[in-house]
Amino acid sequence: MGKEIYEKIEEQAKPYLDTRCNEIHVSICYGMAERLLSHYPDADPEVVLPAILLHDVGWKMVPEEKQLSAFGPRADDLETRRIHEIEGVRIARRILASLGYQAEKTEEILSIIDGHDSREEALSLNDAIVKDADKLWRFSQVGLEVDVKRFGVDRDRYMRWLKKRMSGWLFTSAARDLAYRGLADAGMPTKDEADDGDLPGDGQGLP
């Protein structure tokens, strides 16, 4: 399957990504997914890449004033978090059907979208790569700066918080390597012994 199909999926996803910085988020996550796929030849790009392009289209259906309660280090609105997954499945199903995407792969893509934030375990290697690519946004230079601003947190403290969560949060060793590299490139501070890396109201911390 050529890259043209991913370009068509991206084009149809765009109208749903003009919220929550999702155009930038999805672009960076897509690049992370490609990098992870290069390490795991058993994974299926025909599942992973459409899933990462479509995973957050459902945020378009969530009022912007409610979004920050449903993701980030202080997230506590589990119902809204689920709404964006449920709506994402609905929108992604329509987009993939309109493009005549393979039925079996469509169902796997939708199952990944349907728990990419709320489901803590990975269903498969494909799912693990999508989950990791999504989270790696936070370890990119752009993602880090966007999140520090919108969460209103201290940059160094936020990086320590990310480092603290990393080992149990990312599924693949390649993702952990990319995350460490991202923090190092961002100037990861030496740990302040008076600060254990927690943030006020520390919640799920989902991307």
C-alpha atoms as a PDB file:
ATOM      1  CA  MET A   1       0.000   0.000   0.000  1.00  0.00           C
ATOM      2  CA  GLY A   2       1.504   3.325  -1.045  1.00  0.00           C
ATOM      3  CA  LYS A   3       1.855   6.535   0.911  1.00  0.00           C
ATOM      4  CA  GLU A   4      -0.995   8.035  -1.109  1.00  0.00           C
ATOM      5  CA  ILE A   5      -3.580   6.352   1.102  1.00  0.00           C
ATOM      6  CA  TYR A   6      -2.082   7.880   4.230  1.00  0.00           C
ATOM      7  CA  GLU A   7      -2.142  11.287   2.563  1.00  0.00           C
ATOM      8  CA  LYS A   8      -5.828  10.798   1.803  1.00  0.00           C
ATOM      9  CA  ILE A   9      -6.548   9.767   5.393  1.00  0.00           C
ATOM     10  CA  GLU A  10      -4.640  12.790   6.662  1.00  0.00           C
ATOM     11  CA  GLU A  11      -6.574  15.104   4.356  1.00  0.00           C
ATOM     12  CA  GLN A  12      -9.912  13.798   5.620  1.00  0.00           C
ATOM     13  CA  ALA A  13      -8.727  13.977   9.234  1.00  0.00           C
ATOM     14  CA  LYS A  14      -7.623  17.633   9.023  1.00  0.00           C
ATOM     15  CA  PRO A  15     -11.034  19.241   9.649  1.00  0.00           C
ATOM     16  CA  TYR A  16     -11.160  17.407  12.982  1.00  0.00           C
ATOM     17  CA  LEU A  17      -7.665  18.373  14.119  1.00  0.00           C
ATOM     18  CA  ASP A  18      -8.019  22.150  14.458  1.00  0.00           C
ATOM     19  CA  THR A  19      -8.340  21.960  18.236  1.00  0.00           C
ATOM     20  CA  ARG A  20      -6.014  21.186  21.169  1.00  0.00           C
ATOM     21  CA  CYS A  21      -2.950  21.730  18.898  1.00  0.00           C
ATOM     22  CA  ASN A  22      -3.851  18.407  17.293  1.00  0.00           C
ATOM     23  CA  GLU A  23      -2.562  19.260  13.810  1.00  0.00           C
ATOM     24  CA  ILE A  24       0.930  19.630  15.279  1.00  0.00           C
ATOM     25  CA  HIS A  25       0.412  16.776  17.732  1.00  0.00           C
ATOM     26  CA  VAL A  26      -0.623  14.275  15.072  1.00  0.00           C
ATOM     27  CA  SER A  27       2.188  15.324  12.722  1.00  0.00           C
ATOM     28  CA  ILE A  28       4.811  14.727  15.417  1.00  0.00           C
ATOM     29  CA  CYS A  29       3.189  11.474  16.521  1.00  0.00           C
ATOM     30  CA  TYR A  30       3.189  10.246  12.913  1.00  0.00           C
ATOM     31  CA  GLY A  31       6.937  10.860  12.685  1.00  0.00           C
ATOM     32  CA  MET A  32       7.446   9.033  15.978  1.00  0.00           C
ATOM     33  CA  ALA A  33       5.368   6.109  14.721  1.00  0.00           C
ATOM     34  CA  GLU A  34       7.511   5.843  11.594  1.00  0.00           C
ATOM     35  CA  ARG A  35      10.646   5.803  13.725  1.00  0.00           C
ATOM     36  CA  LEU A  36       9.229   3.097  15.984  1.00  0.00           C
ATOM     37  CA  LEU A  37       8.101   1.000  13.008  1.00  0.00           C
ATOM     38  CA  SER A  38      11.685   0.950  11.755  1.00  0.00           C
ATOM     39  CA  HIS A  39      12.649  -0.900  14.954  1.00  0.00           C
ATOM     40  CA  TYR A  40       9.769  -3.409  14.873  1.00  0.00           C
ATOM     41  CA  PRO A  41       9.411  -5.108  11.467  1.00  0.00           C
ATOM     42  CA  ASP A  42       6.649  -7.382  12.806  1.00  0.00           C
ATOM     43  CA  ALA A  43       4.362  -4.402  13.292  1.00  0.00           C
ATOM     44  CA  ASP A  44       1.945  -3.452  10.518  1.00  0.00           C
ATOM     45  CA  PRO A  45       2.272   0.116   9.184  1.00  0.00           C
ATOM     46  CA  GLU A  46      -1.095  -0.320   7.428  1.00  0.00           C
ATOM     47  CA  VAL A  47      -2.641  -0.424  10.910  1.00  0.00           C
ATOM     48  CA  VAL A  48      -0.274   1.810  12.871  1.00  0.00           C
ATOM     49  CA  LEU A  49      -0.110   4.801  10.524  1.00  0.00           C
ATOM     50  CA  PRO A  50      -3.867   5.222   9.923  1.00  0.00           C
ATOM     51  CA  ALA A  51      -4.462   4.746  13.647  1.00  0.00           C
ATOM     52  CA  ILE A  52      -2.010   7.492  14.594  1.00  0.00           C
ATOM     53  CA  LEU A  53      -3.443   9.849  11.952  1.00  0.00           C
ATOM     54  CA  LEU A  54      -6.968   9.322  13.273  1.00  0.00           C
ATOM     55  CA  HIS A  55      -6.480   8.666  16.988  1.00  0.00           C
ATOM     56  CA  ASP A  56      -7.470  12.152  18.172  1.00  0.00           C
ATOM     57  CA  VAL A  57     -10.122  13.225  15.669  1.00  0.00           C
ATOM     58  CA  GLY A  58     -12.712  12.777  18.424  1.00  0.00           C
ATOM     59  CA  TRP A  59     -11.442  15.792  20.369  1.00  0.00           C
ATOM     60  CA  LYS A  60     -13.256  17.935  17.798  1.00  0.00           C
ATOM     61  CA  MET A  61     -16.505  16.824  19.431  1.00  0.00           C
ATOM     62  CA  VAL A  62     -15.398  17.921  22.928  1.00  0.00           C
ATOM     63  CA  PRO A  63     -15.931  21.590  23.892  1.00  0.00           C
ATOM     64  CA  GLU A  64     -12.529  23.255  24.233  1.00  0.00           C
ATOM     65  CA  GLU A  65     -13.321  24.490  27.735  1.00  0.00           C
ATOM     66  CA  LYS A  66     -13.620  20.859  28.879  1.00  0.00           C
ATOM     67  CA  GLN A  67     -10.531  19.472  27.181  1.00  0.00           C
ATOM     68  CA  LEU A  68      -7.898  20.316  29.801  1.00  0.00           C
ATOM     69  CA  SER A  69      -9.855  18.416  32.448  1.00  0.00           C
ATOM     70  CA  ALA A  70      -9.525  15.245  30.374  1.00  0.00           C
ATOM     71  CA  PHE A  71      -5.812  15.056  29.544  1.00  0.00           C
ATOM     72  CA  GLY A  72      -2.536  16.120  31.062  1.00  0.00           C
ATOM     73  CA  PRO A  73      -0.938  15.725  34.482  1.00  0.00           C
ATOM     74  CA  ARG A  74      -4.019  17.002  36.325  1.00  0.00           C
ATOM     75  CA  ALA A  75      -6.620  15.121  34.271  1.00  0.00           C
ATOM     76  CA  ASP A  76      -9.586  13.879  36.295  1.00  0.00           C
ATOM     77  CA  ASP A  77     -12.500  13.853  33.822  1.00  0.00           C
ATOM     78  CA  LEU A  78     -12.598  10.222  32.716  1.00  0.00           C
ATOM     79  CA  GLU A  79     -15.995  10.607  31.049  1.00  0.00           C
ATOM     80  CA  THR A  80     -14.779  13.335  28.688  1.00  0.00           C
ATOM     81  CA  ARG A  81     -11.630  11.357  27.959  1.00  0.00           C
ATOM     82  CA  ARG A  82     -13.803   8.442  26.849  1.00  0.00           C
ATOM     83  CA  ILE A  83     -16.022  10.698  24.735  1.00  0.00           C
ATOM     84  CA  HIS A  84     -13.081  11.644  22.512  1.00  0.00           C
ATOM     85  CA  GLU A  85     -12.264   7.959  21.978  1.00  0.00           C
ATOM     86  CA  ILE A  86     -15.871   6.969  21.219  1.00  0.00           C
ATOM     87  CA  GLU A  87     -16.347   9.899  18.849  1.00  0.00           C
ATOM     88  CA  GLY A  88     -12.942   9.167  17.332  1.00  0.00           C
ATOM     89  CA  VAL A  89     -14.027   5.640  16.456  1.00  0.00           C
ATOM     90  CA  ARG A  90     -17.198   6.944  14.832  1.00  0.00           C
ATOM     91  CA  ILE A  91     -15.362   9.540  12.731  1.00  0.00           C
ATOM     92  CA  ALA A  92     -12.477   7.227  11.828  1.00  0.00           C
ATOM     93  CA  ARG A  93     -14.878   4.486  10.728  1.00  0.00           C
ATOM     94  CA  ARG A  94     -16.579   6.880   8.336  1.00  0.00           C
ATOM     95  CA  ILE A  95     -13.291   8.188   6.932  1.00  0.00           C
ATOM     96  CA  LEU A  96     -11.821   4.726   6.366  1.00  0.00           C
ATOM     97  CA  ALA A  97     -15.047   3.435   4.818  1.00  0.00           C
ATOM     98  CA  SER A  98     -15.153   6.388   2.426  1.00  0.00           C
ATOM     99  CA  LEU A  99     -11.664   5.439   1.231  1.00  0.00           C
ATOM    100  CA  GLY A 100     -12.488   1.758   0.877  1.00  0.00           C
ATOM    101  CA  TYR A 101      -9.871   0.788   3.448  1.00  0.00           C
ATOM    102  CA  GLN A 102      -9.431  -2.927   4.140  1.00  0.00           C
ATOM    103  CA  ALA A 103     -12.190  -4.119   6.480  1.00  0.00           C
ATOM    104  CA  GLU A 104     -10.032  -6.331   8.696  1.00  0.00           C
ATOM    105  CA  LYS A 105      -7.415  -3.641   9.202  1.00  0.00           C
ATOM    106  CA  THR A 106     -10.101  -1.032   9.743  1.00  0.00           C
ATOM    107  CA  GLU A 107     -11.455  -3.024  12.679  1.00  0.00           C
ATOM    108  CA  GLU A 108      -8.006  -3.264  14.266  1.00  0.00           C
ATOM    109  CA  ILE A 109      -7.439   0.460  13.761  1.00  0.00           C
ATOM    110  CA  LEU A 110     -10.773   1.248  15.410  1.00  0.00           C
ATOM    111  CA  SER A 111     -10.051  -1.054  18.358  1.00  0.00           C
ATOM    112  CA  ILE A 112      -6.769   0.810  18.922  1.00  0.00           C
ATOM    113  CA  ILE A 113      -8.441   4.225  18.756  1.00  0.00           C
ATOM    114  CA  ASP A 114     -11.144   3.010  21.143  1.00  0.00           C
ATOM    115  CA  GLY A 115      -8.691   2.734  24.036  1.00  0.00           C
ATOM    116  CA  HIS A 116      -5.598   4.646  23.067  1.00  0.00           C
ATOM    117  CA  ASP A 117      -5.821   6.803  26.220  1.00  0.00           C
ATOM    118  CA  SER A 118      -8.181   5.020  28.599  1.00  0.00           C
ATOM    119  CA  ARG A 119      -6.841   1.462  28.220  1.00  0.00           C
ATOM    120  CA  GLU A 120      -3.634   1.008  30.194  1.00  0.00           C
ATOM    121  CA  GLU A 121      -2.526  -2.229  28.523  1.00  0.00           C
ATOM    122  CA  ALA A 122      -1.611  -2.721  24.867  1.00  0.00           C
ATOM    123  CA  LEU A 123      -3.659  -5.176  22.833  1.00  0.00           C
ATOM    124  CA  SER A 124      -0.846  -5.909  20.375  1.00  0.00           C
ATOM    125  CA  LEU A 125       2.490  -4.659  19.097  1.00  0.00           C
ATOM    126  CA  ASN A 126       0.589  -2.364  16.719  1.00  0.00           C
ATOM    127  CA  ASP A 127      -1.357  -0.914  19.646  1.00  0.00           C
ATOM    128  CA  ALA A 128       1.818  -0.505  21.726  1.00  0.00           C
ATOM    129  CA  ILE A 129       3.481   1.479  18.945  1.00  0.00           C
ATOM    130  CA  VAL A 130       0.465   3.773  18.552  1.00  0.00           C
ATOM    131  CA  LYS A 131       0.288   4.349  22.311  1.00  0.00           C
ATOM    132  CA  ASP A 132       4.014   5.046  22.504  1.00  0.00           C
ATOM    133  CA  ALA A 133       4.036   7.351  19.476  1.00  0.00           C
ATOM    134  CA  ASP A 134       1.163   9.305  21.047  1.00  0.00           C
ATOM    135  CA  LYS A 135       3.020   9.725  24.348  1.00  0.00           C
ATOM    136  CA  LEU A 136       6.327  10.575  22.683  1.00  0.00           C
ATOM    137  CA  TRP A 137       4.811  13.901  21.640  1.00  0.00           C
ATOM    138  CA  ARG A 138       5.531  15.044  25.196  1.00  0.00           C
ATOM    139  CA  PHE A 139       9.216  14.260  24.817  1.00  0.00           C
ATOM    140  CA  SER A 140       9.599  16.221  21.566  1.00  0.00           C
ATOM    141  CA  GLN A 141      10.868  19.798  21.736  1.00  0.00           C
ATOM    142  CA  VAL A 142       7.640  21.210  20.309  1.00  0.00           C
ATOM    143  CA  GLY A 143       5.373  19.034  22.427  1.00  0.00           C
ATOM    144  CA  LEU A 144       7.275  19.828  25.599  1.00  0.00           C
ATOM    145  CA  GLU A 145       6.968  23.583  25.078  1.00  0.00           C
ATOM    146  CA  VAL A 146       3.275  23.381  24.148  1.00  0.00           C
ATOM    147  CA  ASP A 147       2.469  21.276  27.206  1.00  0.00           C
ATOM    148  CA  VAL A 148       4.436  23.398  29.660  1.00  0.00           C
ATOM    149  CA  LYS A 149       2.485  26.435  28.493  1.00  0.00           C
ATOM    150  CA  ARG A 150      -0.987  24.926  28.423  1.00  0.00           C
ATOM    151  CA  PHE A 151      -0.603  22.979  31.684  1.00  0.00           C
ATOM    152  CA  GLY A 152       0.947  25.982  33.414  1.00  0.00           C
ATOM    153  CA  VAL A 153       3.779  23.964  34.946  1.00  0.00           C
ATOM    154  CA  ASP A 154       7.445  24.626  35.591  1.00  0.00           C
ATOM    155  CA  ARG A 155       9.491  23.294  32.660  1.00  0.00           C
ATOM    156  CA  ASP A 156      12.227  21.575  34.688  1.00  0.00           C
ATOM    157  CA  ARG A 157       9.739  20.057  37.095  1.00  0.00           C
ATOM    158  CA  TYR A 158       7.632  18.793  34.213  1.00  0.00           C
ATOM    159  CA  MET A 159      10.658  17.111  32.633  1.00  0.00           C
ATOM    160  CA  ARG A 160      11.458  15.412  35.940  1.00  0.00           C
ATOM    161  CA  TRP A 161       7.840  14.268  36.109  1.00  0.00           C
ATOM    162  CA  LEU A 162       8.063  12.811  32.594  1.00  0.00           C
ATOM    163  CA  LYS A 163      11.315  11.028  33.409  1.00  0.00           C
ATOM    164  CA  LYS A 164       9.801   9.558  36.574  1.00  0.00           C
ATOM    165  CA  ARG A 165       6.832   8.106  34.666  1.00  0.00           C
ATOM    166  CA  MET A 166       8.735   6.937  31.613  1.00  0.00           C
ATOM    167  CA  SER A 167       9.738   3.365  32.433  1.00  0.00           C
ATOM    168  CA  GLY A 168       6.240   2.206  33.359  1.00  0.00           C
ATOM    169  CA  TRP A 169       4.419   4.365  30.838  1.00  0.00           C
ATOM    170  CA  LEU A 170       6.066   3.445  27.537  1.00  0.00           C
ATOM    171  CA  PHE A 171       5.715  -0.068  26.152  1.00  0.00           C
ATOM    172  CA  THR A 172       8.682  -0.416  23.807  1.00  0.00           C
ATOM    173  CA  SER A 173      12.398  -0.069  24.437  1.00  0.00           C
ATOM    174  CA  ALA A 174      12.764   2.026  21.283  1.00  0.00           C
ATOM    175  CA  ALA A 175      10.205   4.509  22.631  1.00  0.00           C
ATOM    176  CA  ARG A 176      12.055   4.744  25.941  1.00  0.00           C
ATOM    177  CA  ASP A 177      15.287   5.448  24.055  1.00  0.00           C
ATOM    178  CA  LEU A 178      13.584   8.230  22.072  1.00  0.00           C
ATOM    179  CA  ALA A 179      12.088   9.662  25.246  1.00  0.00           C
ATOM    180  CA  TYR A 180      15.436   9.768  27.051  1.00  0.00           C
ATOM    181  CA  ARG A 181      17.007  11.389  24.001  1.00  0.00           C
ATOM    182  CA  GLY A 182      14.234  13.980  23.851  1.00  0.00           C
ATOM    183  CA  LEU A 183      14.665  14.933  27.491  1.00  0.00           C
ATOM    184  CA  ALA A 184      18.437  15.127  27.088  1.00  0.00           C
ATOM    185  CA  ASP A 185      18.064  17.387  24.045  1.00  0.00           C
ATOM    186  CA  ALA A 186      15.690  19.595  26.047  1.00  0.00           C
ATOM    187  CA  GLY A 187      18.299  20.024  28.785  1.00  0.00           C
ATOM    188  CA  MET A 188      16.987  17.595  31.394  1.00  0.00           C
ATOM    189  CA  PRO A 189      17.916  19.176  34.748  1.00  0.00           C
ATOM    190  CA  THR A 190      19.864  17.456  37.503  1.00  0.00           C
ATOM    191  CA  LYS A 191      17.361  16.145  40.003  1.00  0.00           C
ATOM    192  CA  ASP A 192      16.608  18.466  42.885  1.00  0.00           C
ATOM    193  CA  GLU A 193      16.403  16.253  45.951  1.00  0.00           C
ATOM    194  CA  ALA A 194      13.716  18.510  47.398  1.00  0.00           C
ATOM    195  CA  ASP A 195      11.468  17.802  44.411  1.00  0.00           C
ATOM    196  CA  ASP A 196      10.504  14.199  43.738  1.00  0.00           C
ATOM    197  CA  GLY A 197       9.074  14.940  40.308  1.00  0.00           C
ATOM    198  CA  ASP A 198       5.405  14.964  41.271  1.00  0.00           C
ATOM    199  CA  LEU A 199       3.018  17.632  40.033  1.00  0.00           C
ATOM    200  CA  PRO A 200       0.045  19.039  41.971  1.00  0.00           C
ATOM    201  CA  GLY A 201      -3.042  16.957  41.257  1.00  0.00           C
ATOM    202  CA  ASP A 202      -0.946  14.304  39.499  1.00  0.00           C
ATOM    203  CA  GLY A 203      -3.407  12.266  37.428  1.00  0.00           C
ATOM    204  CA  GLN A 204      -3.193   9.862  34.503  1.00  0.00           C
ATOM    205  CA  GLY A 205      -0.950  12.164  32.530  1.00  0.00           C
ATOM    206  CA  LEU A 206      -2.276  11.037  29.191  1.00  0.00           C
ATOM    207  CA  PRO A 207      -1.203  12.673  25.890  1.00  0.00           C
END
